[in-house]
Amino acid sequence: MKKREVDQSDYYDQKLLPLDDQLCELLKQRKDLSNNNPGVPPIESISDWAEKYGVYEDLLNSLFGLLRNEEIFRPQVEPTNFRRHLPVMKAIEKDERLYSITFIRQFDNASVIYLTIDWDAPNISDPLEEMRRSRSEGALYLYINDNFDCRPTGKRGSEGHFTHKFIVSPALPDDLTGLSLIFTEYKSHLKENLTGLEFVINLE
């Protein structure tokens, strides 16, 4: 009789349960201590740990890379059941660029915010060059407070004008009094390094 192959997905060593529970507890402590922005340990530390604990260095690199980008595993909310537009008409000028929000789209489960950026674009013979220049800039992230998850969903535009889209869940209250939108720019979507650009739009 042919021996049935063991499906590894069906196997788990129950003796590991207490240890795996501790691992999850440590992950939570790490997340809280770093304010959910841990970065990556120095290469030297990873090499030392690999040798000290007898694990593969590439495994540690992959592990800390996943922990750094934990947000990519967050369940993504898609807005459903549009309710209304909330007029905002707020703007701030910084470094010769105008950052403005004219309205917020309200859904049952989320809000959608469009941040527009306008500037006096130089005369460039190749119109695609201005697009490349704008797209080469950093990644903008939005923070409101710990009650809301803010997810950037891309940007688009043309010479001298760009629009960034953010999905906020749960939905913002229709009364926006007291809320502030904090925008921070990183050099990449990995949120590794700040560019120094940060601004606040008070909704009042």
C-alpha atoms as a PDB file:
ATOM      1  CA  MET A   1       0.000   0.000   0.000  1.00  0.00           C
ATOM      2  CA  LYS A   2       1.329   3.407  -0.978  1.00  0.00           C
ATOM      3  CA  LYS A   3       2.125   5.594   2.002  1.00  0.00           C
ATOM      4  CA  ARG A   4       0.073   8.771   2.119  1.00  0.00           C
ATOM      5  CA  GLU A   5       2.163  11.924   1.914  1.00  0.00           C
ATOM      6  CA  VAL A   6       1.879  14.205   4.905  1.00  0.00           C
ATOM      7  CA  ASP A   7       0.316  17.583   4.145  1.00  0.00           C
ATOM      8  CA  GLN A   8       2.494  20.055   6.022  1.00  0.00           C
ATOM      9  CA  SER A   9      -0.433  22.475   6.285  1.00  0.00           C
ATOM     10  CA  ASP A  10      -2.214  19.879   8.441  1.00  0.00           C
ATOM     11  CA  TYR A  11       0.675  19.495  10.862  1.00  0.00           C
ATOM     12  CA  TYR A  12       1.557  21.662  13.830  1.00  0.00           C
ATOM     13  CA  ASP A  13       3.644  20.737  16.846  1.00  0.00           C
ATOM     14  CA  GLN A  14       1.347  21.581  19.748  1.00  0.00           C
ATOM     15  CA  LYS A  15       4.368  21.997  22.051  1.00  0.00           C
ATOM     16  CA  LEU A  16       5.090  25.253  20.201  1.00  0.00           C
ATOM     17  CA  LEU A  17       1.822  26.899  21.232  1.00  0.00           C
ATOM     18  CA  PRO A  18       3.168  28.653  24.372  1.00  0.00           C
ATOM     19  CA  LEU A  19       6.257  29.849  22.490  1.00  0.00           C
ATOM     20  CA  ASP A  20       4.254  31.110  19.521  1.00  0.00           C
ATOM     21  CA  ASP A  21       1.944  32.911  21.924  1.00  0.00           C
ATOM     22  CA  GLN A  22       5.008  34.665  23.365  1.00  0.00           C
ATOM     23  CA  LEU A  23       6.155  35.577  19.853  1.00  0.00           C
ATOM     24  CA  CYS A  24       2.823  37.259  19.162  1.00  0.00           C
ATOM     25  CA  GLU A  25       3.021  39.088  22.483  1.00  0.00           C
ATOM     26  CA  LEU A  26       6.519  40.337  21.626  1.00  0.00           C
ATOM     27  CA  LEU A  27       5.314  41.493  18.203  1.00  0.00           C
ATOM     28  CA  LYS A  28       2.611  43.572  19.890  1.00  0.00           C
ATOM     29  CA  GLN A  29       5.129  45.053  22.344  1.00  0.00           C
ATOM     30  CA  ARG A  30       7.457  45.885  19.441  1.00  0.00           C
ATOM     31  CA  LYS A  31       4.631  47.550  17.539  1.00  0.00           C
ATOM     32  CA  ASP A  32       3.524  49.623  20.545  1.00  0.00           C
ATOM     33  CA  LEU A  33       7.063  50.660  21.512  1.00  0.00           C
ATOM     34  CA  SER A  34       7.895  51.810  17.978  1.00  0.00           C
ATOM     35  CA  ASN A  35       4.555  53.587  17.538  1.00  0.00           C
ATOM     36  CA  ASN A  36       3.989  51.286  14.557  1.00  0.00           C
ATOM     37  CA  ASN A  37       7.026  52.680  12.731  1.00  0.00           C
ATOM     38  CA  PRO A  38       9.871  50.274  13.575  1.00  0.00           C
ATOM     39  CA  GLY A  39      12.241  50.657  10.640  1.00  0.00           C
ATOM     40  CA  VAL A  40      14.831  47.917  10.096  1.00  0.00           C
ATOM     41  CA  PRO A  41      17.672  46.895  12.448  1.00  0.00           C
ATOM     42  CA  PRO A  42      21.251  47.665  11.339  1.00  0.00           C
ATOM     43  CA  ILE A  43      22.838  45.090   9.049  1.00  0.00           C
ATOM     44  CA  GLU A  44      25.517  44.428  11.656  1.00  0.00           C
ATOM     45  CA  SER A  45      22.916  43.556  14.290  1.00  0.00           C
ATOM     46  CA  ILE A  46      21.113  41.179  11.944  1.00  0.00           C
ATOM     47  CA  SER A  47      24.397  39.415  11.132  1.00  0.00           C
ATOM     48  CA  ASP A  48      25.233  39.121  14.836  1.00  0.00           C
ATOM     49  CA  TRP A  49      21.796  37.693  15.665  1.00  0.00           C
ATOM     50  CA  ALA A  50      22.006  35.202  12.794  1.00  0.00           C
ATOM     51  CA  GLU A  51      25.300  33.881  14.138  1.00  0.00           C
ATOM     52  CA  LYS A  52      24.265  34.028  17.811  1.00  0.00           C
ATOM     53  CA  TYR A  53      20.971  32.184  17.378  1.00  0.00           C
ATOM     54  CA  GLY A  54      21.870  29.937  14.450  1.00  0.00           C
ATOM     55  CA  VAL A  55      19.293  31.254  11.986  1.00  0.00           C
ATOM     56  CA  TYR A  56      19.721  32.300   8.375  1.00  0.00           C
ATOM     57  CA  GLU A  57      20.562  35.952   7.845  1.00  0.00           C
ATOM     58  CA  ASP A  58      18.259  36.174   4.818  1.00  0.00           C
ATOM     59  CA  LEU A  59      15.426  34.843   6.962  1.00  0.00           C
ATOM     60  CA  LEU A  60      15.940  37.666   9.468  1.00  0.00           C
ATOM     61  CA  ASN A  61      16.132  40.228   6.661  1.00  0.00           C
ATOM     62  CA  SER A  62      12.839  38.957   5.293  1.00  0.00           C
ATOM     63  CA  LEU A  63      11.235  38.893   8.731  1.00  0.00           C
ATOM     64  CA  PHE A  64      12.169  42.470   9.626  1.00  0.00           C
ATOM     65  CA  GLY A  65      11.226  43.609   6.129  1.00  0.00           C
ATOM     66  CA  LEU A  66       7.724  42.205   6.635  1.00  0.00           C
ATOM     67  CA  LEU A  67       7.447  43.800  10.071  1.00  0.00           C
ATOM     68  CA  ARG A  68       8.509  47.148   8.649  1.00  0.00           C
ATOM     69  CA  ASN A  69       5.742  46.983   6.047  1.00  0.00           C
ATOM     70  CA  GLU A  70       3.034  45.582   8.301  1.00  0.00           C
ATOM     71  CA  GLU A  71       0.465  48.006   6.890  1.00  0.00           C
ATOM     72  CA  ILE A  72       0.368  46.157   3.571  1.00  0.00           C
ATOM     73  CA  PHE A  73      -1.369  43.276   5.392  1.00  0.00           C
ATOM     74  CA  ARG A  74      -4.080  45.504   6.843  1.00  0.00           C
ATOM     75  CA  PRO A  75      -7.499  44.561   5.361  1.00  0.00           C
ATOM     76  CA  GLN A  76      -8.357  47.227   2.827  1.00  0.00           C
ATOM     77  CA  VAL A  77     -11.691  48.960   3.105  1.00  0.00           C
ATOM     78  CA  GLU A  78     -13.457  49.822  -0.130  1.00  0.00           C
ATOM     79  CA  PRO A  79     -16.000  52.653   0.173  1.00  0.00           C
ATOM     80  CA  THR A  80     -19.590  51.517  -0.266  1.00  0.00           C
ATOM     81  CA  ASN A  81     -22.934  53.359  -0.429  1.00  0.00           C
ATOM     82  CA  PHE A  82     -22.104  56.966  -1.223  1.00  0.00           C
ATOM     83  CA  ARG A  83     -23.981  59.391   1.045  1.00  0.00           C
ATOM     84  CA  ARG A  84     -22.914  62.966   0.374  1.00  0.00           C
ATOM     85  CA  HIS A  85     -20.176  65.488  -0.362  1.00  0.00           C
ATOM     86  CA  LEU A  86     -18.861  67.520   2.565  1.00  0.00           C
ATOM     87  CA  PRO A  87     -17.595  70.951   1.444  1.00  0.00           C
ATOM     88  CA  VAL A  88     -14.213  71.821   2.973  1.00  0.00           C
ATOM     89  CA  MET A  89     -12.533  74.577   0.937  1.00  0.00           C
ATOM     90  CA  LYS A  90      -9.283  74.613   2.933  1.00  0.00           C
ATOM     91  CA  ALA A  91      -5.791  75.291   1.596  1.00  0.00           C
ATOM     92  CA  ILE A  92      -2.238  75.941   2.751  1.00  0.00           C
ATOM     93  CA  GLU A  93       0.741  77.268   0.787  1.00  0.00           C
ATOM     94  CA  LYS A  94       4.176  75.794   1.434  1.00  0.00           C
ATOM     95  CA  ASP A  95       7.387  76.012  -0.595  1.00  0.00           C
ATOM     96  CA  GLU A  96       5.601  77.713  -3.507  1.00  0.00           C
ATOM     97  CA  ARG A  97       3.010  74.964  -3.714  1.00  0.00           C
ATOM     98  CA  LEU A  98      -0.672  75.214  -2.860  1.00  0.00           C
ATOM     99  CA  TYR A  99      -2.128  72.205  -1.047  1.00  0.00           C
ATOM    100  CA  SER A 100      -5.917  72.241  -0.972  1.00  0.00           C
ATOM    101  CA  ILE A 101      -8.960  70.134  -0.148  1.00  0.00           C
ATOM    102  CA  THR A 102     -12.260  71.292  -1.582  1.00  0.00           C
ATOM    103  CA  PHE A 103     -14.556  68.473  -0.454  1.00  0.00           C
ATOM    104  CA  ILE A 104     -14.704  65.052   1.206  1.00  0.00           C
ATOM    105  CA  ARG A 105     -16.817  62.224  -0.161  1.00  0.00           C
ATOM    106  CA  GLN A 106     -18.787  60.444   2.548  1.00  0.00           C
ATOM    107  CA  PHE A 107     -19.696  56.745   2.346  1.00  0.00           C
ATOM    108  CA  ASP A 108     -21.312  54.452   4.902  1.00  0.00           C
ATOM    109  CA  ASN A 109     -18.024  52.784   5.826  1.00  0.00           C
ATOM    110  CA  ALA A 110     -15.348  55.273   4.783  1.00  0.00           C
ATOM    111  CA  SER A 111     -14.466  58.761   3.630  1.00  0.00           C
ATOM    112  CA  VAL A 112     -12.494  59.686   0.525  1.00  0.00           C
ATOM    113  CA  ILE A 113     -10.204  62.712   0.642  1.00  0.00           C
ATOM    114  CA  TYR A 114      -8.673  64.324  -2.431  1.00  0.00           C
ATOM    115  CA  LEU A 115      -5.626  66.500  -1.818  1.00  0.00           C
ATOM    116  CA  THR A 116      -4.730  68.684  -4.795  1.00  0.00           C
ATOM    117  CA  ILE A 117      -1.319  70.254  -5.294  1.00  0.00           C
ATOM    118  CA  ASP A 118      -0.813  73.203  -7.632  1.00  0.00           C
ATOM    119  CA  TRP A 119       2.399  75.002  -8.544  1.00  0.00           C
ATOM    120  CA  ASP A 120       3.891  77.209 -11.212  1.00  0.00           C
ATOM    121  CA  ALA A 121       5.513  74.609 -13.431  1.00  0.00           C
ATOM    122  CA  PRO A 122       8.587  75.645 -15.452  1.00  0.00           C
ATOM    123  CA  ASN A 123       8.414  75.673 -19.223  1.00  0.00           C
ATOM    124  CA  ILE A 124       9.552  72.208 -20.280  1.00  0.00           C
ATOM    125  CA  SER A 125       9.611  71.260 -23.934  1.00  0.00           C
ATOM    126  CA  ASP A 126       8.801  67.644 -23.159  1.00  0.00           C
ATOM    127  CA  PRO A 127       5.444  67.480 -21.298  1.00  0.00           C
ATOM    128  CA  LEU A 128       6.286  63.991 -20.060  1.00  0.00           C
ATOM    129  CA  GLU A 129       9.367  65.340 -18.285  1.00  0.00           C
ATOM    130  CA  GLU A 130       7.241  67.355 -15.876  1.00  0.00           C
ATOM    131  CA  MET A 131       5.192  64.247 -15.152  1.00  0.00           C
ATOM    132  CA  ARG A 132       8.362  62.289 -14.400  1.00  0.00           C
ATOM    133  CA  ARG A 133       9.664  65.086 -12.173  1.00  0.00           C
ATOM    134  CA  SER A 134       6.454  65.141 -10.161  1.00  0.00           C
ATOM    135  CA  ARG A 135       6.192  61.381  -9.854  1.00  0.00           C
ATOM    136  CA  SER A 136       9.790  61.112  -8.689  1.00  0.00           C
ATOM    137  CA  GLU A 137       8.890  63.060  -5.559  1.00  0.00           C
ATOM    138  CA  GLY A 138       8.217  61.332  -2.263  1.00  0.00           C
ATOM    139  CA  ALA A 139       5.132  59.518  -1.019  1.00  0.00           C
ATOM    140  CA  LEU A 140       2.548  61.484   0.962  1.00  0.00           C
ATOM    141  CA  TYR A 141       0.854  59.873   3.948  1.00  0.00           C
ATOM    142  CA  LEU A 142      -2.119  61.136   5.913  1.00  0.00           C
ATOM    143  CA  TYR A 143      -2.680  60.899   9.665  1.00  0.00           C
ATOM    144  CA  ILE A 144      -5.737  62.151  11.542  1.00  0.00           C
ATOM    145  CA  ASN A 145      -5.705  60.359  14.888  1.00  0.00           C
ATOM    146  CA  ASP A 146      -5.522  56.803  16.189  1.00  0.00           C
ATOM    147  CA  ASN A 147      -9.246  56.289  15.560  1.00  0.00           C
ATOM    148  CA  PHE A 148      -8.877  56.397  11.776  1.00  0.00           C
ATOM    149  CA  ASP A 149      -6.940  54.315   9.284  1.00  0.00           C
ATOM    150  CA  CYS A 150      -5.724  56.474   6.370  1.00  0.00           C
ATOM    151  CA  ARG A 151      -4.618  54.716   3.191  1.00  0.00           C
ATOM    152  CA  PRO A 152      -3.113  56.456   0.142  1.00  0.00           C
ATOM    153  CA  THR A 153      -4.490  54.998  -3.088  1.00  0.00           C
ATOM    154  CA  GLY A 154      -2.399  56.761  -5.708  1.00  0.00           C
ATOM    155  CA  LYS A 155      -1.993  60.084  -7.432  1.00  0.00           C
ATOM    156  CA  ARG A 156      -2.532  61.514 -10.873  1.00  0.00           C
ATOM    157  CA  GLY A 157      -2.226  64.827 -12.643  1.00  0.00           C
ATOM    158  CA  SER A 158      -0.428  66.898 -15.198  1.00  0.00           C
ATOM    159  CA  GLU A 159       1.978  69.810 -15.492  1.00  0.00           C
ATOM    160  CA  GLY A 160       1.624  72.024 -12.434  1.00  0.00           C
ATOM    161  CA  HIS A 161      -1.227  70.037 -10.890  1.00  0.00           C
ATOM    162  CA  PHE A 162      -1.531  66.750  -9.008  1.00  0.00           C
ATOM    163  CA  THR A 163      -4.244  65.026  -6.974  1.00  0.00           C
ATOM    164  CA  HIS A 164      -3.618  62.516  -4.173  1.00  0.00           C
ATOM    165  CA  LYS A 165      -6.427  60.218  -3.050  1.00  0.00           C
ATOM    166  CA  PHE A 166      -6.812  58.834   0.481  1.00  0.00           C
ATOM    167  CA  ILE A 167      -9.375  56.407   1.885  1.00  0.00           C
ATOM    168  CA  VAL A 168     -10.163  56.953   5.562  1.00  0.00           C
ATOM    169  CA  SER A 169     -11.971  54.329   7.635  1.00  0.00           C
ATOM    170  CA  PRO A 170     -14.227  54.359   9.468  1.00  0.00           C
ATOM    171  CA  ALA A 171     -16.024  57.298   7.893  1.00  0.00           C
ATOM    172  CA  LEU A 172     -15.300  60.742   9.269  1.00  0.00           C
ATOM    173  CA  PRO A 173     -18.164  62.448  11.111  1.00  0.00           C
ATOM    174  CA  ASP A 174     -20.235  64.834   9.018  1.00  0.00           C
ATOM    175  CA  ASP A 175     -19.344  67.503  11.573  1.00  0.00           C
ATOM    176  CA  LEU A 176     -15.613  67.990  10.913  1.00  0.00           C
ATOM    177  CA  THR A 177     -15.130  70.465  13.755  1.00  0.00           C
ATOM    178  CA  GLY A 178     -11.840  69.938  15.579  1.00  0.00           C
ATOM    179  CA  LEU A 179     -10.317  67.532  13.052  1.00  0.00           C
ATOM    180  CA  SER A 180      -6.892  68.155  11.515  1.00  0.00           C
ATOM    181  CA  LEU A 181      -5.339  66.408   8.532  1.00  0.00           C
ATOM    182  CA  ILE A 182      -1.602  65.857   9.003  1.00  0.00           C
ATOM    183  CA  PHE A 183       0.310  65.126   5.802  1.00  0.00           C
ATOM    184  CA  THR A 184       3.874  63.801   5.941  1.00  0.00           C
ATOM    185  CA  GLU A 185       6.119  62.998   2.995  1.00  0.00           C
ATOM    186  CA  TYR A 186       8.563  60.097   2.894  1.00  0.00           C
ATOM    187  CA  LYS A 187      11.208  59.421   0.270  1.00  0.00           C
ATOM    188  CA  SER A 188       9.478  56.171  -0.719  1.00  0.00           C
ATOM    189  CA  HIS A 189       6.353  54.148  -0.037  1.00  0.00           C
ATOM    190  CA  LEU A 190       8.384  52.069   2.427  1.00  0.00           C
ATOM    191  CA  LYS A 191       8.235  55.049   4.823  1.00  0.00           C
ATOM    192  CA  GLU A 192      11.942  54.723   5.569  1.00  0.00           C
ATOM    193  CA  ASN A 193      13.106  58.340   5.438  1.00  0.00           C
ATOM    194  CA  LEU A 194      11.336  61.643   5.807  1.00  0.00           C
ATOM    195  CA  THR A 195      11.810  64.303   3.150  1.00  0.00           C
ATOM    196  CA  GLY A 196      11.168  67.114   5.633  1.00  0.00           C
ATOM    197  CA  LEU A 197       7.797  68.066   4.148  1.00  0.00           C
ATOM    198  CA  GLU A 198       4.950  68.098   6.646  1.00  0.00           C
ATOM    199  CA  PHE A 199       1.869  70.286   6.771  1.00  0.00           C
ATOM    200  CA  VAL A 200      -1.474  70.403   8.537  1.00  0.00           C
ATOM    201  CA  ILE A 201      -4.873  71.327   7.134  1.00  0.00           C
ATOM    202  CA  ASN A 202      -7.320  72.179   9.914  1.00  0.00           C
ATOM    203  CA  LEU A 203     -10.901  71.344   8.991  1.00  0.00           C
ATOM    204  CA  GLU A 204     -12.442  73.357  11.880  1.00  0.00           C
END
